[in-house]
Amino acid sequence: MNALYLTLKTLLIFSVLLTGCRQIFGDREQPELIVQAPIEGNSIDITEPVWGTIYYPGDTIIIKWSALTIKRLDISLYRKSEFKITINTNLENKGKISWIVPDEIPSSNHYCIKISNHNNADTYNFSKQFGIHN
């Protein structure tokens, strides 16, 4: 069991170091790249959508994350640091959902997904930026 835990932890650390994470602050065109600590406790790591991907109304966006100890999550769409819509709330943590882009989303290359702990709003993370074009 300890060997499996160490292997999983090593894989998580390696993937985090390779991908990093982007955080949304202010109106900067490109979020700042930082290295995130390994996923432990209440951390959330969002692996999809992938940075720079362009979607269109009617497309299905696969949202994937890792949050080892969090049971319920809230998922929202942001444009830069501005909340746009709630995608899902009080969602059971299964690590993945599909979301269909609605017609009324304005075109932009600055969208991101915010996933937060439903029971502790202080625990959250943003995905990398992606685009929605009409």
N, C-alpha and C. Protein backbone atom coordinates (compact mmCIF):
# COMPACT_ATOMS: atom_id res chain seq x y z
N MET A 1 0.83 -1.19 0.00
CA MET A 1 0.00 0.00 0.00
C MET A 1 0.88 1.26 0.00
N ASN A 2 1.95 1.26 0.83
CA ASN A 2 2.84 2.41 0.87
C ASN A 2 3.53 2.64 -0.47
N ALA A 3 3.91 1.54 -1.15
CA ALA A 3 4.56 1.67 -2.45
C ALA A 3 3.61 2.28 -3.46
N LEU A 4 2.34 1.86 -3.44
CA LEU A 4 1.35 2.42 -4.36
C LEU A 4 1.14 3.90 -4.06
N TYR A 5 1.04 4.27 -2.78
CA TYR A 5 0.87 5.68 -2.39
C TYR A 5 2.05 6.51 -2.88
N LEU A 6 3.28 6.02 -2.68
CA LEU A 6 4.45 6.77 -3.12
C LEU A 6 4.50 6.89 -4.63
N THR A 7 4.10 5.84 -5.35
CA THR A 7 4.07 5.90 -6.81
C THR A 7 3.06 6.93 -7.28
N LEU A 8 1.86 6.92 -6.71
CA LEU A 8 0.83 7.89 -7.08
C LEU A 8 1.27 9.32 -6.75
N LYS A 9 1.87 9.48 -5.57
CA LYS A 9 2.34 10.81 -5.17
C LYS A 9 3.44 11.30 -6.12
N THR A 10 4.35 10.41 -6.50
CA THR A 10 5.41 10.77 -7.43
C THR A 10 4.84 11.16 -8.79
N LEU A 11 3.85 10.41 -9.28
CA LEU A 11 3.20 10.76 -10.55
C LEU A 11 2.52 12.11 -10.47
N LEU A 12 1.84 12.39 -9.35
CA LEU A 12 1.18 13.68 -9.18
C LEU A 12 2.19 14.82 -9.17
N ILE A 13 3.27 14.64 -8.44
CA ILE A 13 4.30 15.68 -8.37
C ILE A 13 4.88 15.91 -9.77
N PHE A 14 5.18 14.84 -10.49
CA PHE A 14 5.75 14.96 -11.82
C PHE A 14 4.78 15.70 -12.76
N SER A 15 3.50 15.32 -12.74
CA SER A 15 2.55 15.97 -13.64
C SER A 15 2.35 17.44 -13.28
N VAL A 16 2.36 17.77 -11.99
CA VAL A 16 2.22 19.16 -11.57
C VAL A 16 3.43 19.97 -12.01
N LEU A 17 4.61 19.41 -11.86
CA LEU A 17 5.81 20.13 -12.27
C LEU A 17 5.85 20.35 -13.78
N LEU A 18 5.35 19.39 -14.55
CA LEU A 18 5.32 19.55 -16.00
C LEU A 18 4.29 20.57 -16.46
N THR A 19 3.12 20.53 -15.85
CA THR A 19 2.04 21.38 -16.33
C THR A 19 1.96 22.72 -15.62
N GLY A 20 2.36 22.78 -14.36
CA GLY A 20 2.22 24.02 -13.60
C GLY A 20 0.75 24.36 -13.45
N CYS A 21 0.45 25.57 -13.05
CA CYS A 21 -0.94 26.02 -13.01
C CYS A 21 -0.95 27.50 -13.28
N ARG A 22 -2.07 27.96 -13.74
CA ARG A 22 -2.22 29.38 -14.04
C ARG A 22 -3.27 29.93 -13.11
N GLN A 23 -2.99 31.10 -12.58
CA GLN A 23 -3.95 31.74 -11.71
C GLN A 23 -4.41 33.03 -12.36
N ILE A 24 -5.64 33.40 -12.10
CA ILE A 24 -6.24 34.56 -12.72
C ILE A 24 -6.20 35.73 -11.74
N PHE A 25 -5.53 36.80 -12.15
CA PHE A 25 -5.44 38.01 -11.35
C PHE A 25 -5.62 39.21 -12.26
N GLY A 26 -6.58 40.05 -11.95
CA GLY A 26 -6.76 41.29 -12.69
C GLY A 26 -7.05 41.05 -14.16
N ASP A 27 -6.61 42.00 -15.00
CA ASP A 27 -6.93 41.97 -16.42
C ASP A 27 -5.75 41.61 -17.29
N ARG A 28 -4.77 40.92 -16.74
CA ARG A 28 -3.62 40.53 -17.55
C ARG A 28 -4.05 39.62 -18.68
N GLU A 29 -3.44 39.80 -19.83
CA GLU A 29 -3.76 38.98 -21.00
C GLU A 29 -3.43 37.51 -20.74
N GLN A 30 -2.27 37.24 -20.15
CA GLN A 30 -1.82 35.87 -19.94
C GLN A 30 -1.60 35.65 -18.45
N PRO A 31 -2.24 34.64 -17.83
CA PRO A 31 -2.03 34.39 -16.41
C PRO A 31 -0.58 34.03 -16.11
N GLU A 32 -0.19 34.26 -14.91
CA GLU A 32 1.16 33.98 -14.45
C GLU A 32 1.33 32.48 -14.23
N LEU A 33 2.43 31.91 -14.72
CA LEU A 33 2.70 30.49 -14.56
C LEU A 33 3.43 30.28 -13.24
N ILE A 34 2.88 29.41 -12.40
CA ILE A 34 3.54 29.09 -11.13
C ILE A 34 3.56 27.58 -10.98
N VAL A 35 4.45 27.07 -10.15
CA VAL A 35 4.50 25.65 -9.85
C VAL A 35 3.66 25.42 -8.62
N GLN A 36 2.73 24.47 -8.73
CA GLN A 36 1.82 24.18 -7.64
C GLN A 36 2.38 23.04 -6.80
N ALA A 37 2.09 23.07 -5.51
CA ALA A 37 2.50 22.00 -4.61
C ALA A 37 1.75 20.72 -4.96
N PRO A 38 2.27 19.57 -4.55
CA PRO A 38 1.57 18.32 -4.81
C PRO A 38 0.14 18.36 -4.26
N ILE A 39 -0.75 17.60 -4.89
CA ILE A 39 -2.15 17.55 -4.46
C ILE A 39 -2.24 16.78 -3.17
N GLU A 40 -2.56 17.46 -2.11
CA GLU A 40 -2.71 16.85 -0.80
C GLU A 40 -3.89 17.51 -0.12
N GLY A 41 -4.52 16.81 0.78
CA GLY A 41 -5.60 17.39 1.56
C GLY A 41 -6.71 17.92 0.69
N ASN A 42 -6.98 19.22 0.81
CA ASN A 42 -8.11 19.84 0.14
C ASN A 42 -7.75 20.52 -1.17
N SER A 43 -6.62 20.24 -1.76
CA SER A 43 -6.21 20.89 -3.00
C SER A 43 -7.03 20.40 -4.19
N ILE A 44 -7.14 21.27 -5.20
CA ILE A 44 -7.84 20.93 -6.44
C ILE A 44 -6.89 21.20 -7.60
N ASP A 45 -6.72 20.21 -8.47
CA ASP A 45 -5.89 20.36 -9.67
C ASP A 45 -6.79 20.13 -10.88
N ILE A 46 -6.90 21.12 -11.76
CA ILE A 46 -7.74 21.03 -12.94
C ILE A 46 -6.86 20.71 -14.15
N THR A 47 -7.14 19.59 -14.81
CA THR A 47 -6.32 19.16 -15.93
C THR A 47 -6.96 19.41 -17.30
N GLU A 48 -8.25 19.59 -17.36
CA GLU A 48 -8.96 19.94 -18.60
C GLU A 48 -10.07 20.91 -18.24
N PRO A 49 -10.35 21.86 -19.10
CA PRO A 49 -9.93 22.02 -20.48
C PRO A 49 -8.46 22.45 -20.58
N VAL A 50 -7.89 22.15 -21.73
CA VAL A 50 -6.49 22.43 -22.01
C VAL A 50 -6.32 23.87 -22.47
N TRP A 51 -5.23 24.50 -22.07
CA TRP A 51 -4.94 25.90 -22.42
C TRP A 51 -4.98 26.09 -23.93
N GLY A 52 -5.66 27.17 -24.33
CA GLY A 52 -5.65 27.58 -25.72
C GLY A 52 -6.67 26.89 -26.61
N THR A 53 -7.38 25.89 -26.10
CA THR A 53 -8.38 25.21 -26.92
C THR A 53 -9.53 26.17 -27.23
N ILE A 54 -10.07 26.09 -28.43
CA ILE A 54 -11.20 26.93 -28.84
C ILE A 54 -12.45 26.05 -28.95
N TYR A 55 -13.53 26.51 -28.34
CA TYR A 55 -14.81 25.82 -28.39
C TYR A 55 -15.85 26.75 -29.03
N TYR A 56 -16.95 26.14 -29.48
CA TYR A 56 -18.04 26.87 -30.10
C TYR A 56 -19.35 26.49 -29.42
N PRO A 57 -20.37 27.36 -29.48
CA PRO A 57 -21.67 26.99 -28.90
C PRO A 57 -22.12 25.62 -29.42
N GLY A 58 -22.59 24.79 -28.49
CA GLY A 58 -22.99 23.43 -28.83
C GLY A 58 -21.90 22.40 -28.63
N ASP A 59 -20.62 22.84 -28.54
CA ASP A 59 -19.52 21.90 -28.27
C ASP A 59 -19.61 21.38 -26.84
N THR A 60 -19.12 20.18 -26.65
CA THR A 60 -19.03 19.61 -25.31
C THR A 60 -17.62 19.82 -24.79
N ILE A 61 -17.52 20.45 -23.63
CA ILE A 61 -16.23 20.64 -22.96
C ILE A 61 -16.13 19.58 -21.86
N ILE A 62 -15.05 18.80 -21.89
CA ILE A 62 -14.77 17.85 -20.83
C ILE A 62 -13.98 18.59 -19.76
N ILE A 63 -14.49 18.59 -18.55
CA ILE A 63 -13.82 19.23 -17.41
C ILE A 63 -13.31 18.10 -16.52
N LYS A 64 -11.98 18.07 -16.29
CA LYS A 64 -11.37 17.03 -15.46
C LYS A 64 -10.57 17.68 -14.34
N TRP A 65 -10.56 17.04 -13.19
CA TRP A 65 -9.84 17.55 -12.04
C TRP A 65 -9.44 16.42 -11.12
N SER A 66 -8.57 16.75 -10.18
CA SER A 66 -8.20 15.86 -9.10
C SER A 66 -8.36 16.63 -7.80
N ALA A 67 -9.15 16.08 -6.91
CA ALA A 67 -9.36 16.66 -5.58
C ALA A 67 -9.57 15.48 -4.64
N LEU A 68 -8.50 15.00 -4.05
CA LEU A 68 -8.49 13.72 -3.37
C LEU A 68 -9.45 13.59 -2.20
N THR A 69 -9.59 14.62 -1.38
CA THR A 69 -10.40 14.47 -0.16
C THR A 69 -11.68 15.28 -0.18
N ILE A 70 -11.98 15.97 -1.25
CA ILE A 70 -13.18 16.81 -1.31
C ILE A 70 -14.33 15.98 -1.87
N LYS A 71 -15.46 16.01 -1.18
CA LYS A 71 -16.60 15.19 -1.57
C LYS A 71 -17.56 15.89 -2.53
N ARG A 72 -17.79 17.21 -2.35
CA ARG A 72 -18.76 17.95 -3.16
C ARG A 72 -18.09 19.21 -3.71
N LEU A 73 -18.39 19.54 -4.98
CA LEU A 73 -17.73 20.65 -5.66
C LEU A 73 -18.74 21.58 -6.32
N ASP A 74 -18.31 22.83 -6.54
CA ASP A 74 -19.05 23.80 -7.34
C ASP A 74 -18.17 24.15 -8.54
N ILE A 75 -18.78 24.24 -9.73
CA ILE A 75 -18.03 24.54 -10.95
C ILE A 75 -18.66 25.74 -11.63
N SER A 76 -17.82 26.74 -11.97
CA SER A 76 -18.29 27.98 -12.58
C SER A 76 -17.43 28.35 -13.77
N LEU A 77 -18.00 29.17 -14.66
CA LEU A 77 -17.28 29.71 -15.80
C LEU A 77 -16.92 31.15 -15.50
N TYR A 78 -15.65 31.51 -15.74
CA TYR A 78 -15.16 32.88 -15.56
C TYR A 78 -14.58 33.38 -16.87
N ARG A 79 -14.67 34.68 -17.08
CA ARG A 79 -13.93 35.36 -18.14
C ARG A 79 -12.94 36.25 -17.44
N LYS A 80 -11.66 35.95 -17.56
CA LYS A 80 -10.61 36.57 -16.76
C LYS A 80 -10.99 36.36 -15.30
N SER A 81 -11.16 37.40 -14.51
CA SER A 81 -11.51 37.22 -13.10
C SER A 81 -13.00 37.49 -12.84
N GLU A 82 -13.80 37.58 -13.90
CA GLU A 82 -15.22 37.91 -13.76
C GLU A 82 -16.09 36.66 -13.88
N PHE A 83 -16.90 36.42 -12.84
CA PHE A 83 -17.85 35.30 -12.85
C PHE A 83 -18.85 35.48 -13.99
N LYS A 84 -19.11 34.41 -14.74
CA LYS A 84 -20.10 34.46 -15.82
C LYS A 84 -21.32 33.59 -15.51
N ILE A 85 -21.13 32.29 -15.31
CA ILE A 85 -22.27 31.41 -15.02
C ILE A 85 -21.84 30.25 -14.11
N THR A 86 -22.82 29.69 -13.43
CA THR A 86 -22.61 28.47 -12.66
C THR A 86 -22.84 27.29 -13.60
N ILE A 87 -21.88 26.40 -13.66
CA ILE A 87 -22.00 25.20 -14.49
C ILE A 87 -22.67 24.08 -13.70
N ASN A 88 -22.26 23.93 -12.44
CA ASN A 88 -22.84 22.90 -11.58
C ASN A 88 -22.54 23.26 -10.14
N THR A 89 -23.44 22.89 -9.25
CA THR A 89 -23.22 23.16 -7.83
C THR A 89 -23.55 21.92 -7.01
N ASN A 90 -22.83 21.76 -5.92
CA ASN A 90 -23.00 20.62 -5.01
C ASN A 90 -22.85 19.29 -5.77
N LEU A 91 -21.88 19.27 -6.68
CA LEU A 91 -21.63 18.11 -7.54
C LEU A 91 -20.79 17.08 -6.80
N GLU A 92 -21.16 15.82 -6.91
CA GLU A 92 -20.35 14.75 -6.33
C GLU A 92 -19.00 14.70 -7.06
N ASN A 93 -17.92 14.58 -6.31
CA ASN A 93 -16.57 14.58 -6.86
C ASN A 93 -16.26 13.24 -7.52
N LYS A 94 -16.43 13.22 -8.86
CA LYS A 94 -16.07 12.02 -9.63
C LYS A 94 -14.88 12.29 -10.54
N GLY A 95 -14.35 13.53 -10.52
CA GLY A 95 -13.15 13.85 -11.28
C GLY A 95 -13.36 14.27 -12.71
N LYS A 96 -14.62 14.27 -13.18
CA LYS A 96 -14.86 14.60 -14.58
C LYS A 96 -16.34 14.86 -14.80
N ILE A 97 -16.64 15.90 -15.62
CA ILE A 97 -18.00 16.11 -16.12
C ILE A 97 -17.92 16.63 -17.55
N SER A 98 -19.03 16.55 -18.24
CA SER A 98 -19.16 17.14 -19.57
C SER A 98 -20.09 18.33 -19.46
N TRP A 99 -19.78 19.40 -20.20
CA TRP A 99 -20.60 20.61 -20.21
C TRP A 99 -20.75 21.08 -21.65
N ILE A 100 -21.97 21.36 -22.05
CA ILE A 100 -22.24 21.84 -23.40
C ILE A 100 -22.25 23.36 -23.38
N VAL A 101 -21.45 23.98 -24.25
CA VAL A 101 -21.34 25.44 -24.32
C VAL A 101 -22.68 26.00 -24.80
N PRO A 102 -23.31 26.87 -23.99
CA PRO A 102 -24.58 27.47 -24.43
C PRO A 102 -24.38 28.52 -25.51
N ASP A 103 -25.45 28.80 -26.26
CA ASP A 103 -25.39 29.77 -27.37
C ASP A 103 -25.11 31.19 -26.91
N GLU A 104 -25.53 31.55 -25.70
CA GLU A 104 -25.45 32.95 -25.28
C GLU A 104 -24.10 33.38 -24.70
N ILE A 105 -23.09 32.52 -24.74
CA ILE A 105 -21.75 32.87 -24.23
C ILE A 105 -21.05 33.75 -25.26
N PRO A 106 -20.63 34.98 -24.89
CA PRO A 106 -19.93 35.86 -25.84
C PRO A 106 -18.54 35.32 -26.21
N SER A 107 -18.08 35.66 -27.39
CA SER A 107 -16.76 35.24 -27.86
C SER A 107 -15.65 35.85 -27.02
N SER A 108 -14.67 35.04 -26.68
CA SER A 108 -13.49 35.50 -25.95
C SER A 108 -12.48 34.38 -25.89
N ASN A 109 -11.20 34.74 -25.78
CA ASN A 109 -10.13 33.77 -25.55
C ASN A 109 -9.73 33.69 -24.09
N HIS A 110 -10.49 34.31 -23.21
CA HIS A 110 -10.07 34.47 -21.81
C HIS A 110 -10.98 33.76 -20.82
N TYR A 111 -11.56 32.64 -21.21
CA TYR A 111 -12.41 31.90 -20.28
C TYR A 111 -11.58 30.90 -19.49
N CYS A 112 -12.07 30.60 -18.30
CA CYS A 112 -11.49 29.54 -17.48
C CYS A 112 -12.58 28.97 -16.59
N ILE A 113 -12.31 27.79 -16.08
CA ILE A 113 -13.23 27.09 -15.19
C ILE A 113 -12.70 27.26 -13.76
N LYS A 114 -13.60 27.58 -12.85
CA LYS A 114 -13.25 27.61 -11.43
C LYS A 114 -13.95 26.44 -10.75
N ILE A 115 -13.17 25.63 -10.05
CA ILE A 115 -13.73 24.54 -9.26
C ILE A 115 -13.42 24.83 -7.80
N SER A 116 -14.45 24.77 -6.98
CA SER A 116 -14.27 25.05 -5.55
C SER A 116 -14.93 23.98 -4.70
N ASN A 117 -14.44 23.84 -3.49
CA ASN A 117 -15.01 22.94 -2.51
C ASN A 117 -16.37 23.49 -2.11
N HIS A 118 -17.43 22.73 -2.29
CA HIS A 118 -18.78 23.20 -1.97
C HIS A 118 -18.91 23.56 -0.49
N ASN A 119 -18.18 22.86 0.37
CA ASN A 119 -18.29 23.08 1.81
C ASN A 119 -17.24 24.03 2.37
N ASN A 120 -16.34 24.51 1.52
CA ASN A 120 -15.31 25.45 1.96
C ASN A 120 -14.87 26.27 0.74
N ALA A 121 -15.51 27.41 0.53
CA ALA A 121 -15.26 28.24 -0.65
C ALA A 121 -13.82 28.76 -0.72
N ASP A 122 -13.07 28.67 0.36
CA ASP A 122 -11.67 29.12 0.35
C ASP A 122 -10.77 28.13 -0.39
N THR A 123 -11.26 26.94 -0.68
CA THR A 123 -10.49 25.94 -1.41
C THR A 123 -11.01 25.90 -2.84
N TYR A 124 -10.18 26.39 -3.78
CA TYR A 124 -10.59 26.46 -5.18
C TYR A 124 -9.36 26.54 -6.06
N ASN A 125 -9.59 26.39 -7.37
CA ASN A 125 -8.53 26.58 -8.35
C ASN A 125 -9.17 26.93 -9.69
N PHE A 126 -8.40 27.57 -10.56
CA PHE A 126 -8.84 27.94 -11.90
C PHE A 126 -8.13 27.06 -12.93
N SER A 127 -8.84 26.73 -13.98
CA SER A 127 -8.22 26.01 -15.09
C SER A 127 -7.35 26.98 -15.88
N LYS A 128 -6.65 26.43 -16.84
CA LYS A 128 -5.93 27.27 -17.80
C LYS A 128 -6.97 27.92 -18.72
N GLN A 129 -6.58 29.03 -19.36
CA GLN A 129 -7.53 29.75 -20.21
C GLN A 129 -7.80 29.01 -21.53
N PHE A 130 -9.03 29.17 -22.00
CA PHE A 130 -9.45 28.60 -23.28
C PHE A 130 -10.39 29.61 -23.93
N GLY A 131 -10.73 29.37 -25.18
CA GLY A 131 -11.59 30.30 -25.91
C GLY A 131 -12.94 29.72 -26.23
N ILE A 132 -13.94 30.61 -26.30
CA ILE A 132 -15.25 30.28 -26.81
C ILE A 132 -15.53 31.30 -27.89
N HIS A 133 -15.81 30.84 -29.11
CA HIS A 133 -16.07 31.74 -30.24
C HIS A 133 -17.43 31.45 -30.84
N ASN A 134 -18.13 32.51 -31.16
CA ASN A 134 -19.45 32.38 -31.80
C ASN A 134 -19.31 32.52 -33.30
